[in-house]
Structure formats: structure tokens, C-alpha cells
Amino acid sequence: SFIKERHTLEHFRKEMWLPKLTDRSFPDAWVKAGAHDIWVKAREKAEKILAEHTVEPVPQEIKERLEAVVKRAKERYVK
């Protein structure tokens, strides 16, 4: 079994993935913290991302290359 392998022992702490939306606390602590279910947490996270995220501007060279691709596609496919 992988669980007894040395590689597992050396790597499991940094490789272990824990979802951020689920609550792994005891029910009493969960209720005390507001008893937010996964849907509430997902909405809160989405609202935070939408409120705080900033989009980096696309460099001019990339814009020009994208415009060239679109132009070629229109010439080829739009009749």
C-alpha cells in the first residue's frame, strides 16, 4: 500500500489538498461560526473575487495578434 511508503511519508503534508469551501470543524464550532453551508461560502467567495479582482491589461502585441486571428477567421468563415 502507498501509505507505508517512504515517499508518502516525505510528501503527504505538502501534497495533501484540502478544499477551502468545506468546513471540517466539529458541528458545535460550525454553528458558532454561523453555520454557513457550502453554497453560502461559494457565493461569498465569488462576490469577494468579483469585488477585488483586477484584470491586467493585455499587451498591445497580443491584442494585434488576436485581431489578426479574428480577421483571418472572418475572411475565411463569414460569408
Foldseek 3Di string as FASTA:
>chain_A
DCCPDPVCVVPVVVPPDDDPQDDPDDPVVCVVVPVDHSVNSVVVVVVCCVVPDDDDDDDPVVVVVVVVVVVVCCVVPPD
